[in-house]
Amino acid sequence: MEHVKIKGRVLEAGPPKVIQTKKGPRTISNAVIGDSTGRVETTFWGEKAGTIKEGQAVEINGAWTTSFRGKVQLNVGRSSEVKEVSDAEVPQPSEVPADSPTAPEEERRPSFQGRRRGGFRPRRG
């Protein structure tokens, strides 16, 4: 899902770190953001990494979601907007439910690695 908008409280905020991707090294930071419906793991990419602090009340526009191991994750990147909002607009950490959004596990094609394919092969020996 693209163009996601969320308003919530930063419950956890990790420091920026560099990871290796198919496109080369990328800077990210991980956070957990909560609102009155629950909490979601969030990855901040590139220049957005490390821009929020634990306890902050934020509004994020232009984020997108992905799923990994059955969990929905929010992603914040170059075209996303992050701004601080009033504390009164979002719940306090103790008011955020522990629920996290789930997503169906993506179907995976069966692996044929290690399986024998083809016709009859006589035994040697």
N, C-alpha and C. Protein backbone atom coordinates (compact mmCIF):
# COMPACT_ATOMS: atom_id res chain seq x y z
N MET A 1 0.84 -1.17 0.00
CA MET A 1 0.00 0.00 0.00
C MET A 1 0.90 1.24 0.00
N GLU A 2 0.55 2.21 -0.84
CA GLU A 2 1.35 3.43 -0.94
C GLU A 2 0.56 4.63 -0.45
N HIS A 3 1.24 5.74 -0.24
CA HIS A 3 0.65 7.01 0.20
C HIS A 3 -0.08 6.85 1.53
N VAL A 4 0.56 6.16 2.46
CA VAL A 4 -0.02 5.93 3.78
C VAL A 4 0.22 7.15 4.66
N LYS A 5 -0.79 7.49 5.45
CA LYS A 5 -0.69 8.60 6.41
C LYS A 5 -0.96 8.03 7.79
N ILE A 6 -0.11 8.36 8.75
CA ILE A 6 -0.28 7.88 10.12
C ILE A 6 0.09 9.00 11.08
N LYS A 7 -0.63 9.05 12.19
CA LYS A 7 -0.32 10.00 13.25
C LYS A 7 -0.18 9.16 14.51
N GLY A 8 0.96 9.25 15.18
CA GLY A 8 1.16 8.42 16.36
C GLY A 8 2.34 8.85 17.21
N ARG A 9 2.62 8.00 18.19
CA ARG A 9 3.70 8.25 19.15
C ARG A 9 4.86 7.32 18.83
N VAL A 10 6.08 7.86 18.86
CA VAL A 10 7.27 7.04 18.65
C VAL A 10 7.53 6.29 19.96
N LEU A 11 7.34 4.98 19.92
CA LEU A 11 7.51 4.15 21.12
C LEU A 11 8.94 3.67 21.27
N GLU A 12 9.60 3.43 20.15
CA GLU A 12 11.02 3.02 20.13
C GLU A 12 11.66 3.68 18.92
N ALA A 13 12.92 4.06 19.05
CA ALA A 13 13.65 4.66 17.93
C ALA A 13 15.10 4.21 17.99
N GLY A 14 15.54 3.49 16.97
CA GLY A 14 16.91 3.02 16.93
C GLY A 14 17.81 3.99 16.18
N PRO A 15 19.12 3.84 16.36
CA PRO A 15 20.07 4.73 15.68
C PRO A 15 20.21 4.34 14.20
N PRO A 16 20.66 5.27 13.37
CA PRO A 16 20.91 4.93 11.97
C PRO A 16 22.01 3.87 11.85
N LYS A 17 21.88 3.02 10.85
CA LYS A 17 22.90 2.01 10.56
C LYS A 17 22.94 1.79 9.06
N VAL A 18 24.05 1.29 8.57
CA VAL A 18 24.23 1.02 7.14
C VAL A 18 24.03 -0.47 6.91
N ILE A 19 23.18 -0.79 5.93
CA ILE A 19 22.95 -2.19 5.55
C ILE A 19 23.31 -2.37 4.08
N GLN A 20 23.57 -3.60 3.69
CA GLN A 20 23.84 -3.92 2.29
C GLN A 20 22.55 -4.38 1.63
N THR A 21 22.21 -3.80 0.49
CA THR A 21 21.04 -4.20 -0.27
C THR A 21 21.49 -4.57 -1.68
N LYS A 22 20.55 -5.02 -2.50
CA LYS A 22 20.86 -5.34 -3.89
C LYS A 22 21.38 -4.11 -4.63
N LYS A 23 20.97 -2.93 -4.17
CA LYS A 23 21.38 -1.68 -4.81
C LYS A 23 22.59 -1.05 -4.14
N GLY A 24 23.25 -1.79 -3.24
CA GLY A 24 24.42 -1.27 -2.55
C GLY A 24 24.09 -0.87 -1.13
N PRO A 25 25.03 -0.19 -0.45
CA PRO A 25 24.82 0.18 0.95
C PRO A 25 23.72 1.24 1.08
N ARG A 26 22.88 1.10 2.10
CA ARG A 26 21.80 2.06 2.38
C ARG A 26 21.77 2.33 3.88
N THR A 27 21.46 3.55 4.24
CA THR A 27 21.32 3.93 5.64
C THR A 27 19.86 3.80 6.04
N ILE A 28 19.61 3.13 7.17
CA ILE A 28 18.26 2.97 7.69
C ILE A 28 18.25 3.19 9.20
N SER A 29 17.08 3.41 9.74
CA SER A 29 16.88 3.32 11.19
C SER A 29 15.50 2.69 11.40
N ASN A 30 15.36 1.97 12.49
CA ASN A 30 14.11 1.28 12.79
C ASN A 30 13.43 1.93 13.98
N ALA A 31 12.11 1.91 13.95
CA ALA A 31 11.32 2.50 15.03
C ALA A 31 10.02 1.73 15.16
N VAL A 32 9.34 1.94 16.27
CA VAL A 32 7.99 1.43 16.47
C VAL A 32 7.11 2.65 16.73
N ILE A 33 6.04 2.77 15.94
CA ILE A 33 5.12 3.89 16.09
C ILE A 33 3.76 3.34 16.49
N GLY A 34 3.13 3.98 17.49
CA GLY A 34 1.84 3.50 17.98
C GLY A 34 0.77 4.57 17.94
N ASP A 35 -0.48 4.10 17.75
CA ASP A 35 -1.63 4.99 17.85
C ASP A 35 -2.73 4.25 18.61
N SER A 36 -3.96 4.73 18.53
CA SER A 36 -5.04 4.12 19.31
C SER A 36 -5.42 2.73 18.82
N THR A 37 -4.95 2.33 17.62
CA THR A 37 -5.28 1.00 17.09
C THR A 37 -4.20 -0.04 17.33
N GLY A 38 -2.99 0.39 17.68
CA GLY A 38 -1.89 -0.55 17.89
C GLY A 38 -0.56 0.07 17.53
N ARG A 39 0.40 -0.81 17.21
CA ARG A 39 1.76 -0.35 16.92
C ARG A 39 2.26 -1.01 15.64
N VAL A 40 3.17 -0.32 14.95
CA VAL A 40 3.70 -0.84 13.69
C VAL A 40 5.21 -0.60 13.65
N GLU A 41 5.94 -1.62 13.20
CA GLU A 41 7.38 -1.48 13.00
C GLU A 41 7.59 -0.62 11.77
N THR A 42 8.52 0.32 11.88
CA THR A 42 8.72 1.31 10.82
C THR A 42 10.20 1.40 10.48
N THR A 43 10.50 1.43 9.19
CA THR A 43 11.88 1.61 8.73
C THR A 43 11.99 2.97 8.04
N PHE A 44 12.96 3.76 8.49
CA PHE A 44 13.25 5.06 7.89
C PHE A 44 14.47 4.87 6.99
N TRP A 45 14.33 5.27 5.71
CA TRP A 45 15.37 5.06 4.71
C TRP A 45 16.10 6.35 4.37
N GLY A 46 17.42 6.22 4.10
CA GLY A 46 18.22 7.34 3.60
C GLY A 46 18.25 8.53 4.54
N GLU A 47 17.96 9.71 3.98
CA GLU A 47 18.04 10.94 4.76
C GLU A 47 17.01 11.00 5.89
N LYS A 48 16.00 10.15 5.85
CA LYS A 48 15.00 10.13 6.92
C LYS A 48 15.47 9.32 8.13
N ALA A 49 16.50 8.51 7.95
CA ALA A 49 17.01 7.66 9.05
C ALA A 49 17.49 8.53 10.20
N GLY A 50 17.07 8.18 11.41
CA GLY A 50 17.53 8.89 12.60
C GLY A 50 16.87 10.24 12.84
N THR A 51 15.77 10.53 12.15
CA THR A 51 15.15 11.86 12.27
C THR A 51 14.10 11.96 13.37
N ILE A 52 13.76 10.85 14.03
CA ILE A 52 12.76 10.91 15.10
C ILE A 52 13.36 10.41 16.41
N LYS A 53 12.70 10.79 17.50
CA LYS A 53 13.17 10.39 18.83
C LYS A 53 12.04 9.70 19.58
N GLU A 54 12.42 8.80 20.47
CA GLU A 54 11.45 8.11 21.31
C GLU A 54 10.62 9.13 22.09
N GLY A 55 9.31 8.91 22.14
CA GLY A 55 8.40 9.78 22.87
C GLY A 55 7.78 10.88 22.04
N GLN A 56 8.33 11.14 20.84
CA GLN A 56 7.82 12.19 19.98
C GLN A 56 6.43 11.86 19.45
N ALA A 57 5.60 12.89 19.26
CA ALA A 57 4.31 12.75 18.58
C ALA A 57 4.54 13.19 17.14
N VAL A 58 4.25 12.30 16.18
CA VAL A 58 4.57 12.59 14.78
C VAL A 58 3.40 12.28 13.86
N GLU A 59 3.43 12.95 12.71
CA GLU A 59 2.53 12.63 11.61
C GLU A 59 3.41 12.31 10.42
N ILE A 60 3.13 11.18 9.78
CA ILE A 60 3.91 10.76 8.62
C ILE A 60 2.97 10.68 7.42
N ASN A 61 3.34 11.33 6.34
CA ASN A 61 2.57 11.29 5.09
C ASN A 61 3.45 10.71 3.99
N GLY A 62 2.85 9.97 3.08
CA GLY A 62 3.59 9.45 1.94
C GLY A 62 4.43 8.23 2.23
N ALA A 63 4.09 7.49 3.28
CA ALA A 63 4.81 6.25 3.60
C ALA A 63 4.21 5.11 2.76
N TRP A 64 4.83 3.94 2.81
CA TRP A 64 4.30 2.77 2.13
C TRP A 64 4.48 1.56 3.02
N THR A 65 3.68 0.54 2.76
CA THR A 65 3.75 -0.67 3.59
C THR A 65 4.31 -1.84 2.81
N THR A 66 4.95 -2.73 3.54
CA THR A 66 5.40 -4.01 3.02
C THR A 66 5.04 -5.05 4.07
N SER A 67 5.13 -6.32 3.69
CA SER A 67 4.90 -7.36 4.69
C SER A 67 6.11 -8.27 4.74
N PHE A 68 6.44 -8.72 5.93
CA PHE A 68 7.57 -9.61 6.14
C PHE A 68 7.20 -10.57 7.24
N ARG A 69 7.26 -11.85 6.94
CA ARG A 69 6.91 -12.90 7.90
C ARG A 69 5.55 -12.66 8.55
N GLY A 70 4.60 -12.26 7.73
CA GLY A 70 3.24 -12.09 8.20
C GLY A 70 2.94 -10.82 8.95
N LYS A 71 3.92 -9.90 9.04
CA LYS A 71 3.70 -8.63 9.74
C LYS A 71 3.78 -7.48 8.75
N VAL A 72 2.90 -6.51 8.95
CA VAL A 72 2.93 -5.30 8.14
C VAL A 72 4.02 -4.39 8.69
N GLN A 73 4.80 -3.81 7.78
CA GLN A 73 5.84 -2.86 8.16
C GLN A 73 5.61 -1.56 7.40
N LEU A 74 5.84 -0.45 8.06
CA LEU A 74 5.71 0.86 7.45
C LEU A 74 7.10 1.32 7.02
N ASN A 75 7.19 1.94 5.85
CA ASN A 75 8.46 2.44 5.32
C ASN A 75 8.36 3.93 5.05
N VAL A 76 9.39 4.67 5.45
CA VAL A 76 9.43 6.11 5.28
C VAL A 76 10.69 6.44 4.48
N GLY A 77 10.51 7.10 3.34
CA GLY A 77 11.65 7.39 2.48
C GLY A 77 11.68 8.82 1.99
N ARG A 78 12.41 9.01 0.91
CA ARG A 78 12.68 10.33 0.34
C ARG A 78 11.41 11.14 0.09
N SER A 79 10.36 10.52 -0.44
CA SER A 79 9.15 11.28 -0.77
C SER A 79 8.16 11.36 0.40
N SER A 80 8.52 10.81 1.54
CA SER A 80 7.65 10.86 2.73
C SER A 80 7.90 12.16 3.49
N GLU A 81 6.88 12.60 4.20
CA GLU A 81 7.00 13.80 5.03
C GLU A 81 6.79 13.39 6.48
N VAL A 82 7.70 13.82 7.35
CA VAL A 82 7.60 13.54 8.78
C VAL A 82 7.57 14.88 9.51
N LYS A 83 6.52 15.09 10.31
CA LYS A 83 6.47 16.34 11.08
C LYS A 83 5.99 16.05 12.49
N GLU A 84 6.46 16.87 13.41
CA GLU A 84 6.06 16.74 14.81
C GLU A 84 4.69 17.38 14.98
N VAL A 85 3.83 16.73 15.80
CA VAL A 85 2.50 17.26 16.09
C VAL A 85 2.35 17.42 17.60
N SER A 86 1.26 18.01 18.01
CA SER A 86 0.99 18.24 19.43
C SER A 86 0.83 16.92 20.18
N ASP A 87 1.35 16.88 21.40
CA ASP A 87 1.22 15.69 22.26
C ASP A 87 -0.24 15.28 22.44
N ALA A 88 -1.14 16.25 22.47
CA ALA A 88 -2.56 15.98 22.71
C ALA A 88 -3.21 15.23 21.55
N GLU A 89 -2.57 15.23 20.36
CA GLU A 89 -3.16 14.60 19.18
C GLU A 89 -2.95 13.09 19.12
N VAL A 90 -2.07 12.57 19.95
CA VAL A 90 -1.77 11.13 19.91
C VAL A 90 -1.80 10.55 21.32
N PRO A 91 -2.04 9.24 21.45
CA PRO A 91 -2.08 8.64 22.79
C PRO A 91 -0.71 8.58 23.45
N GLN A 92 -0.71 8.55 24.76
CA GLN A 92 0.52 8.35 25.52
C GLN A 92 0.95 6.89 25.34
N PRO A 93 2.23 6.57 25.54
CA PRO A 93 2.70 5.19 25.33
C PRO A 93 1.88 4.14 26.08
N SER A 94 1.45 4.44 27.29
CA SER A 94 0.68 3.46 28.08
C SER A 94 -0.72 3.22 27.51
N GLU A 95 -1.19 4.11 26.62
CA GLU A 95 -2.52 3.98 26.03
C GLU A 95 -2.50 3.26 24.68
N VAL A 96 -1.32 2.92 24.17
CA VAL A 96 -1.20 2.27 22.87
C VAL A 96 -1.35 0.76 23.05
N PRO A 97 -2.34 0.14 22.36
CA PRO A 97 -2.49 -1.31 22.47
C PRO A 97 -1.25 -2.04 21.94
N ALA A 98 -1.04 -3.26 22.41
CA ALA A 98 0.11 -4.06 21.98
C ALA A 98 -0.12 -4.69 20.61
N ASP A 99 -1.31 -4.57 20.04
CA ASP A 99 -1.63 -5.19 18.75
C ASP A 99 -0.77 -4.61 17.63
N SER A 100 -0.42 -5.50 16.68
CA SER A 100 0.29 -5.10 15.48
C SER A 100 -0.47 -5.62 14.28
N PRO A 101 -0.51 -4.87 13.17
CA PRO A 101 -1.22 -5.37 11.99
C PRO A 101 -0.52 -6.58 11.40
N THR A 102 -1.32 -7.54 10.93
CA THR A 102 -0.75 -8.74 10.31
C THR A 102 -1.14 -8.77 8.84
N ALA A 103 -0.37 -9.51 8.07
CA ALA A 103 -0.62 -9.67 6.64
C ALA A 103 -0.49 -11.14 6.31
N PRO A 104 -1.24 -11.62 5.31
CA PRO A 104 -1.09 -13.02 4.93
C PRO A 104 0.32 -13.28 4.42
N GLU A 105 0.86 -14.43 4.78
CA GLU A 105 2.20 -14.82 4.32
C GLU A 105 2.17 -14.91 2.81
N GLU A 106 3.15 -14.31 2.18
CA GLU A 106 3.21 -14.38 0.73
C GLU A 106 3.45 -15.81 0.30
N GLU A 107 2.74 -16.19 -0.75
CA GLU A 107 2.91 -17.55 -1.23
C GLU A 107 4.28 -17.68 -1.87
N ARG A 108 4.94 -18.75 -1.54
CA ARG A 108 6.27 -18.98 -2.10
C ARG A 108 6.21 -20.18 -3.03
N ARG A 109 6.95 -20.08 -4.10
CA ARG A 109 7.03 -21.23 -5.00
C ARG A 109 7.83 -22.32 -4.32
N PRO A 110 7.44 -23.56 -4.52
CA PRO A 110 8.21 -24.64 -3.89
C PRO A 110 9.62 -24.70 -4.45
N SER A 111 10.55 -25.01 -3.60
CA SER A 111 11.95 -25.12 -4.01
C SER A 111 12.21 -26.52 -4.55
N PHE A 112 12.85 -26.56 -5.69
CA PHE A 112 13.20 -27.85 -6.27
C PHE A 112 14.66 -28.18 -6.03
N GLN A 113 15.31 -27.38 -5.26
CA GLN A 113 16.72 -27.58 -4.98
C GLN A 113 16.92 -28.91 -4.27
N GLY A 114 17.82 -29.70 -4.74
CA GLY A 114 18.12 -30.97 -4.11
C GLY A 114 17.22 -32.11 -4.57
N ARG A 115 16.21 -31.80 -5.34
CA ARG A 115 15.33 -32.85 -5.85
C ARG A 115 15.83 -33.31 -7.19
N ARG A 116 15.61 -34.54 -7.47
CA ARG A 116 16.01 -35.11 -8.74
C ARG A 116 14.89 -34.88 -9.74
N ARG A 117 15.24 -34.38 -10.91
CA ARG A 117 14.23 -34.18 -11.95
C ARG A 117 14.65 -34.98 -13.16
N GLY A 118 13.69 -35.38 -13.89
CA GLY A 118 14.00 -36.09 -15.12
C GLY A 118 13.54 -37.53 -15.07
N GLY A 119 13.99 -38.27 -16.05
CA GLY A 119 13.54 -39.65 -16.21
C GLY A 119 14.34 -40.64 -15.38
N PHE A 120 14.26 -41.90 -15.81
CA PHE A 120 14.89 -43.02 -15.12
C PHE A 120 16.40 -42.90 -15.20
N ARG A 121 17.07 -43.16 -14.09
CA ARG A 121 18.53 -43.19 -14.05
C ARG A 121 18.93 -44.51 -13.42
N PRO A 122 19.60 -45.34 -14.16
CA PRO A 122 19.97 -46.65 -13.60
C PRO A 122 20.97 -46.50 -12.46
N ARG A 123 20.90 -47.42 -11.51
CA ARG A 123 21.83 -47.42 -10.38
C ARG A 123 23.19 -47.92 -10.84
N ARG A 124 24.18 -47.35 -10.28
CA ARG A 124 25.54 -47.80 -10.59
C ARG A 124 25.97 -48.79 -9.54
N GLY A 125 26.76 -49.70 -9.93
CA GLY A 125 27.29 -50.56 -8.90
C GLY A 125 27.20 -51.94 -9.21
